[in-house]
Amino acid sequence: MPFFLATGRLTLRPISAADVDHLLALDSDPEVMRFINGGRPTTREAVEAESLPRFLRNYPCINDRGCWAADERTTGEFLGWFEFRPLDDHSAAVVELGYRLGRAAWGHGYATEGSIALIRKGFTELGVQRVTANTMTVNARSRRVMEKAGLSYVRTFFEEWPETIEGSESGDVEYALTRADWARAAD
């Protein structure tokens, strides 16, 4: 299968309808979904009607998708997904970085490895000028991945969500990295 990006241990490939069971298993794990919806499992119907169309969407400004399945490079095992989605359909200047990995992949550096590779590709090949990422303030693991990938804390913000989940009273945080800052750090 063609891939979008490969790292030492990961292959990022287009998500397809054949991945529904993988996506359902990922979104059915209460720990994986803890900072997304408080740990409620997602239904197959929601994966098929909401998640899959988002994952299959192409962005003309990068001539590709904004989300990819993350497979372990040697075994082909599905680990989760990465998002590197332009915030404007017609410009790759600002993209949002995101990731969701299964618990078996936690603590092995996959999120950092995939994030760093996407950032490099964005700044060197896709015309990206700024990468942004958000998470709940209390999601220390995700915040650490953002920091290891080179993003810096920008702000804490509060939004109204349909449901309150544990930790939401602390708000969300935004992290970001500009191409200029990335290039300076690479020197």
C-alpha atoms as a PDB file:
ATOM      1  CA  MET A   1       0.000   0.000   0.000  1.00  0.00           C
ATOM      2  CA  PRO A   2       1.362   3.478  -0.809  1.00  0.00           C
ATOM      3  CA  PHE A   3       2.400   5.555   2.165  1.00  0.00           C
ATOM      4  CA  PHE A   4       2.547   9.267   2.875  1.00  0.00           C
ATOM      5  CA  LEU A   5       5.542   9.159   5.182  1.00  0.00           C
ATOM      6  CA  ALA A   6       7.858   6.617   6.767  1.00  0.00           C
ATOM      7  CA  THR A   7      10.069   6.960   9.820  1.00  0.00           C
ATOM      8  CA  GLY A   8      12.429   4.491  11.434  1.00  0.00           C
ATOM      9  CA  ARG A   9       9.545   2.657  13.092  1.00  0.00           C
ATOM     10  CA  LEU A  10       6.337   4.003  11.523  1.00  0.00           C
ATOM     11  CA  THR A  11       4.559   4.098   8.214  1.00  0.00           C
ATOM     12  CA  LEU A  12       1.848   6.721   7.762  1.00  0.00           C
ATOM     13  CA  ARG A  13      -0.554   5.582   5.068  1.00  0.00           C
ATOM     14  CA  PRO A  14      -3.972   6.693   3.852  1.00  0.00           C
ATOM     15  CA  ILE A  15      -6.814   5.520   6.060  1.00  0.00           C
ATOM     16  CA  SER A  16      -9.400   3.477   4.176  1.00  0.00           C
ATOM     17  CA  ALA A  17     -12.822   1.990   4.849  1.00  0.00           C
ATOM     18  CA  ALA A  18     -10.981  -1.248   5.691  1.00  0.00           C
ATOM     19  CA  ASP A  19      -9.686   0.487   8.838  1.00  0.00           C
ATOM     20  CA  VAL A  20     -13.118   0.857  10.455  1.00  0.00           C
ATOM     21  CA  ASP A  21     -12.506  -2.006  12.902  1.00  0.00           C
ATOM     22  CA  HIS A  22      -9.123  -0.537  13.889  1.00  0.00           C
ATOM     23  CA  LEU A  23     -10.646   2.910  14.409  1.00  0.00           C
ATOM     24  CA  LEU A  24     -13.543   1.440  16.369  1.00  0.00           C
ATOM     25  CA  ALA A  25     -11.199  -0.505  18.664  1.00  0.00           C
ATOM     26  CA  LEU A  26      -9.086   2.608  19.241  1.00  0.00           C
ATOM     27  CA  ASP A  27     -12.100   4.798  20.029  1.00  0.00           C
ATOM     28  CA  SER A  28     -13.658   2.120  22.259  1.00  0.00           C
ATOM     29  CA  ASP A  29     -10.801   2.149  24.760  1.00  0.00           C
ATOM     30  CA  PRO A  30     -11.839   4.310  27.753  1.00  0.00           C
ATOM     31  CA  GLU A  31      -8.234   5.344  28.470  1.00  0.00           C
ATOM     32  CA  VAL A  32      -7.623   6.403  24.870  1.00  0.00           C
ATOM     33  CA  MET A  33     -10.835   8.463  24.911  1.00  0.00           C
ATOM     34  CA  ARG A  34     -10.356   9.879  28.415  1.00  0.00           C
ATOM     35  CA  PHE A  35      -9.310  13.364  27.270  1.00  0.00           C
ATOM     36  CA  ILE A  36     -11.579  13.309  24.195  1.00  0.00           C
ATOM     37  CA  ASN A  37     -14.994  12.528  25.645  1.00  0.00           C
ATOM     38  CA  GLY A  38     -14.407  11.350  29.190  1.00  0.00           C
ATOM     39  CA  GLY A  39     -13.807   7.732  28.167  1.00  0.00           C
ATOM     40  CA  ARG A  40     -17.070   6.846  26.441  1.00  0.00           C
ATOM     41  CA  PRO A  41     -16.693   4.325  23.604  1.00  0.00           C
ATOM     42  CA  THR A  42     -17.542   5.481  20.112  1.00  0.00           C
ATOM     43  CA  THR A  43     -20.132   3.516  18.152  1.00  0.00           C
ATOM     44  CA  ARG A  44     -19.450   1.853  14.810  1.00  0.00           C
ATOM     45  CA  GLU A  45     -22.095   4.138  13.303  1.00  0.00           C
ATOM     46  CA  ALA A  46     -20.224   7.236  14.530  1.00  0.00           C
ATOM     47  CA  VAL A  47     -16.907   5.934  13.197  1.00  0.00           C
ATOM     48  CA  GLU A  48     -18.455   5.220   9.790  1.00  0.00           C
ATOM     49  CA  ALA A  49     -20.574   8.388   9.548  1.00  0.00           C
ATOM     50  CA  GLU A  50     -18.334  10.951  11.261  1.00  0.00           C
ATOM     51  CA  SER A  51     -14.726   9.830  11.704  1.00  0.00           C
ATOM     52  CA  LEU A  52     -14.131   7.998   8.428  1.00  0.00           C
ATOM     53  CA  PRO A  53     -15.323  10.849   6.149  1.00  0.00           C
ATOM     54  CA  ARG A  54     -13.002  13.236   8.023  1.00  0.00           C
ATOM     55  CA  PHE A  55     -10.090  10.822   7.592  1.00  0.00           C
ATOM     56  CA  LEU A  56     -10.809  10.336   3.874  1.00  0.00           C
ATOM     57  CA  ARG A  57     -10.938  14.045   3.106  1.00  0.00           C
ATOM     58  CA  ASN A  58      -8.310  15.449   0.753  1.00  0.00           C
ATOM     59  CA  TYR A  59      -6.907  18.948   1.136  1.00  0.00           C
ATOM     60  CA  PRO A  60      -6.112  20.627  -2.204  1.00  0.00           C
ATOM     61  CA  CYS A  61      -3.406  22.831  -0.693  1.00  0.00           C
ATOM     62  CA  ILE A  62      -1.273  19.791   0.229  1.00  0.00           C
ATOM     63  CA  ASN A  63      -2.704  17.544  -2.501  1.00  0.00           C
ATOM     64  CA  ASP A  64      -3.260  14.834   0.097  1.00  0.00           C
ATOM     65  CA  ARG A  65      -5.238  13.886   3.161  1.00  0.00           C
ATOM     66  CA  GLY A  66      -4.945  15.520   6.522  1.00  0.00           C
ATOM     67  CA  CYS A  67      -5.046  12.231   8.485  1.00  0.00           C
ATOM     68  CA  TRP A  68      -3.125   8.973   8.124  1.00  0.00           C
ATOM     69  CA  ALA A  69      -3.095   5.568   9.752  1.00  0.00           C
ATOM     70  CA  ALA A  70       0.058   4.870  11.729  1.00  0.00           C
ATOM     71  CA  ASP A  71       1.352   1.333  11.284  1.00  0.00           C
ATOM     72  CA  GLU A  72       4.386  -0.235  12.929  1.00  0.00           C
ATOM     73  CA  ARG A  73       6.858  -0.348  10.063  1.00  0.00           C
ATOM     74  CA  THR A  74       8.152  -3.916  10.419  1.00  0.00           C
ATOM     75  CA  THR A  75       4.960  -5.712  11.511  1.00  0.00           C
ATOM     76  CA  GLY A  76       2.300  -3.559   9.813  1.00  0.00           C
ATOM     77  CA  GLU A  77       0.377  -3.461  13.101  1.00  0.00           C
ATOM     78  CA  PHE A  78      -2.126  -0.580  13.302  1.00  0.00           C
ATOM     79  CA  LEU A  79      -1.032   1.715  16.144  1.00  0.00           C
ATOM     80  CA  GLY A  80      -3.411   4.638  15.647  1.00  0.00           C
ATOM     81  CA  TRP A  81      -3.492   7.755  13.500  1.00  0.00           C
ATOM     82  CA  PHE A  82      -1.864  11.146  12.967  1.00  0.00           C
ATOM     83  CA  GLU A  83      -3.456  14.358  11.796  1.00  0.00           C
ATOM     84  CA  PHE A  84      -1.617  17.166  10.019  1.00  0.00           C
ATOM     85  CA  ARG A  85      -4.603  19.101   8.751  1.00  0.00           C
ATOM     86  CA  PRO A  86      -4.526  22.512   7.096  1.00  0.00           C
ATOM     87  CA  LEU A  87      -6.819  24.937   8.906  1.00  0.00           C
ATOM     88  CA  ASP A  88      -7.684  26.565   5.571  1.00  0.00           C
ATOM     89  CA  ASP A  89      -8.593  24.356   2.606  1.00  0.00           C
ATOM     90  CA  HIS A  90      -6.714  26.673   0.256  1.00  0.00           C
ATOM     91  CA  SER A  91      -3.524  27.253   2.232  1.00  0.00           C
ATOM     92  CA  ALA A  92      -1.042  24.982   3.951  1.00  0.00           C
ATOM     93  CA  ALA A  93       0.411  27.902   5.903  1.00  0.00           C
ATOM     94  CA  VAL A  94      -1.098  26.765   9.215  1.00  0.00           C
ATOM     95  CA  VAL A  95      -1.742  23.123  10.065  1.00  0.00           C
ATOM     96  CA  GLU A  96      -3.052  21.372  13.140  1.00  0.00           C
ATOM     97  CA  LEU A  97      -1.041  18.456  14.470  1.00  0.00           C
ATOM     98  CA  GLY A  98      -2.889  15.667  16.255  1.00  0.00           C
ATOM     99  CA  TYR A  99      -2.477  11.982  17.085  1.00  0.00           C
ATOM    100  CA  ARG A 100      -4.370   9.152  18.700  1.00  0.00           C
ATOM    101  CA  LEU A 101      -2.529   5.948  19.481  1.00  0.00           C
ATOM    102  CA  GLY A 102      -3.666   2.757  21.146  1.00  0.00           C
ATOM    103  CA  ARG A 103      -2.478   2.064  24.679  1.00  0.00           C
ATOM    104  CA  ALA A 104      -0.058  -0.642  23.520  1.00  0.00           C
ATOM    105  CA  ALA A 105       1.831   2.097  21.630  1.00  0.00           C
ATOM    106  CA  TRP A 106       2.039   4.505  24.579  1.00  0.00           C
ATOM    107  CA  GLY A 107       5.401   5.190  26.147  1.00  0.00           C
ATOM    108  CA  HIS A 108       7.452   4.032  23.163  1.00  0.00           C
ATOM    109  CA  GLY A 109       8.053   7.413  21.513  1.00  0.00           C
ATOM    110  CA  TYR A 110       5.804   6.767  18.510  1.00  0.00           C
ATOM    111  CA  ALA A 111       3.767   9.966  18.986  1.00  0.00           C
ATOM    112  CA  THR A 112       6.929  12.064  19.161  1.00  0.00           C
ATOM    113  CA  GLU A 113       8.554  10.259  16.217  1.00  0.00           C
ATOM    114  CA  GLY A 114       5.515  10.681  13.978  1.00  0.00           C
ATOM    115  CA  SER A 115       5.009  14.303  15.018  1.00  0.00           C
ATOM    116  CA  ILE A 116       8.625  15.265  14.331  1.00  0.00           C
ATOM    117  CA  ALA A 117       8.507  13.599  10.903  1.00  0.00           C
ATOM    118  CA  LEU A 118       5.250  15.341   9.969  1.00  0.00           C
ATOM    119  CA  ILE A 119       6.589  18.699  11.090  1.00  0.00           C
ATOM    120  CA  ARG A 120       9.774  18.210   9.058  1.00  0.00           C
ATOM    121  CA  LYS A 121       7.783  17.208   5.961  1.00  0.00           C
ATOM    122  CA  GLY A 122       5.419  20.128   6.445  1.00  0.00           C
ATOM    123  CA  PHE A 123       8.174  22.713   6.704  1.00  0.00           C
ATOM    124  CA  THR A 124      10.408  21.255   3.969  1.00  0.00           C
ATOM    125  CA  GLU A 125       7.892  19.961   1.395  1.00  0.00           C
ATOM    126  CA  LEU A 126       4.367  21.241   1.990  1.00  0.00           C
ATOM    127  CA  GLY A 127       4.801  24.990   2.467  1.00  0.00           C
ATOM    128  CA  VAL A 128       3.735  24.972   6.109  1.00  0.00           C
ATOM    129  CA  GLN A 129       4.650  28.110   8.055  1.00  0.00           C
ATOM    130  CA  ARG A 130       3.099  27.295  11.451  1.00  0.00           C
ATOM    131  CA  VAL A 131       2.114  24.086  13.231  1.00  0.00           C
ATOM    132  CA  THR A 132      -0.405  24.263  16.047  1.00  0.00           C
ATOM    133  CA  ALA A 133      -1.682  21.608  18.462  1.00  0.00           C
ATOM    134  CA  ASN A 134      -4.231  21.594  21.278  1.00  0.00           C
ATOM    135  CA  THR A 135      -5.040  19.343  24.203  1.00  0.00           C
ATOM    136  CA  MET A 136      -6.653  19.519  27.613  1.00  0.00           C
ATOM    137  CA  THR A 137      -4.463  21.281  30.159  1.00  0.00           C
ATOM    138  CA  VAL A 138      -4.454  18.135  32.319  1.00  0.00           C
ATOM    139  CA  ASN A 139      -3.252  15.860  29.476  1.00  0.00           C
ATOM    140  CA  ALA A 140       0.397  15.836  30.547  1.00  0.00           C
ATOM    141  CA  ARG A 141       1.450  13.025  28.170  1.00  0.00           C
ATOM    142  CA  SER A 142       0.189  14.809  25.080  1.00  0.00           C
ATOM    143  CA  ARG A 143       1.701  18.092  26.219  1.00  0.00           C
ATOM    144  CA  ARG A 144       5.064  16.343  26.643  1.00  0.00           C
ATOM    145  CA  VAL A 145       4.860  14.955  23.099  1.00  0.00           C
ATOM    146  CA  MET A 146       4.225  18.465  21.778  1.00  0.00           C
ATOM    147  CA  GLU A 147       7.225  19.801  23.672  1.00  0.00           C
ATOM    148  CA  LYS A 148       9.505  16.966  22.506  1.00  0.00           C
ATOM    149  CA  ALA A 149       8.387  17.657  18.926  1.00  0.00           C
ATOM    150  CA  GLY A 150       9.548  21.263  19.304  1.00  0.00           C
ATOM    151  CA  LEU A 151       6.250  23.048  19.900  1.00  0.00           C
ATOM    152  CA  SER A 152       6.028  25.691  22.618  1.00  0.00           C
ATOM    153  CA  TYR A 153       3.178  26.626  24.912  1.00  0.00           C
ATOM    154  CA  VAL A 154       1.158  29.552  23.533  1.00  0.00           C
ATOM    155  CA  ARG A 155      -1.896  29.896  25.764  1.00  0.00           C
ATOM    156  CA  THR A 156      -4.540  28.332  27.959  1.00  0.00           C
ATOM    157  CA  PHE A 157      -8.098  28.827  26.766  1.00  0.00           C
ATOM    158  CA  PHE A 158     -11.604  27.847  27.800  1.00  0.00           C
ATOM    159  CA  GLU A 159     -14.385  26.769  25.460  1.00  0.00           C
ATOM    160  CA  GLU A 160     -17.904  25.553  26.005  1.00  0.00           C
ATOM    161  CA  TRP A 161     -18.103  21.826  25.277  1.00  0.00           C
ATOM    162  CA  PRO A 162     -21.314  19.810  24.958  1.00  0.00           C
ATOM    163  CA  GLU A 163     -20.313  17.727  27.964  1.00  0.00           C
ATOM    164  CA  THR A 164     -18.104  18.385  30.943  1.00  0.00           C
ATOM    165  CA  ILE A 165     -15.376  15.802  31.453  1.00  0.00           C
ATOM    166  CA  GLU A 166     -12.924  15.419  34.295  1.00  0.00           C
ATOM    167  CA  GLY A 167     -10.200  18.041  33.959  1.00  0.00           C
ATOM    168  CA  SER A 168     -12.115  20.366  31.624  1.00  0.00           C
ATOM    169  CA  GLU A 169     -12.355  22.978  34.378  1.00  0.00           C
ATOM    170  CA  SER A 170      -8.614  23.577  33.790  1.00  0.00           C
ATOM    171  CA  GLY A 171      -9.231  24.448  30.135  1.00  0.00           C
ATOM    172  CA  ASP A 172      -7.252  23.568  27.042  1.00  0.00           C
ATOM    173  CA  VAL A 173      -3.768  24.545  25.943  1.00  0.00           C
ATOM    174  CA  GLU A 174      -2.410  25.550  22.559  1.00  0.00           C
ATOM    175  CA  TYR A 175       1.145  24.807  21.482  1.00  0.00           C
ATOM    176  CA  ALA A 176       2.771  26.006  18.273  1.00  0.00           C
ATOM    177  CA  LEU A 177       5.953  26.019  16.212  1.00  0.00           C
ATOM    178  CA  THR A 178       6.813  28.321  13.322  1.00  0.00           C
ATOM    179  CA  ARG A 179       8.957  27.370  10.372  1.00  0.00           C
ATOM    180  CA  ALA A 180      11.470  30.071  11.333  1.00  0.00           C
ATOM    181  CA  ASP A 181      11.803  28.743  14.895  1.00  0.00           C
ATOM    182  CA  TRP A 182      12.091  25.173  13.603  1.00  0.00           C
ATOM    183  CA  ALA A 183      14.858  26.190  11.168  1.00  0.00           C
ATOM    184  CA  ARG A 184      16.760  28.059  13.941  1.00  0.00           C
ATOM    185  CA  ALA A 185      16.595  25.010  16.222  1.00  0.00           C
ATOM    186  CA  ALA A 186      17.798  22.744  13.381  1.00  0.00           C
ATOM    187  CA  ASP A 187      20.962  24.820  12.882  1.00  0.00           C
END
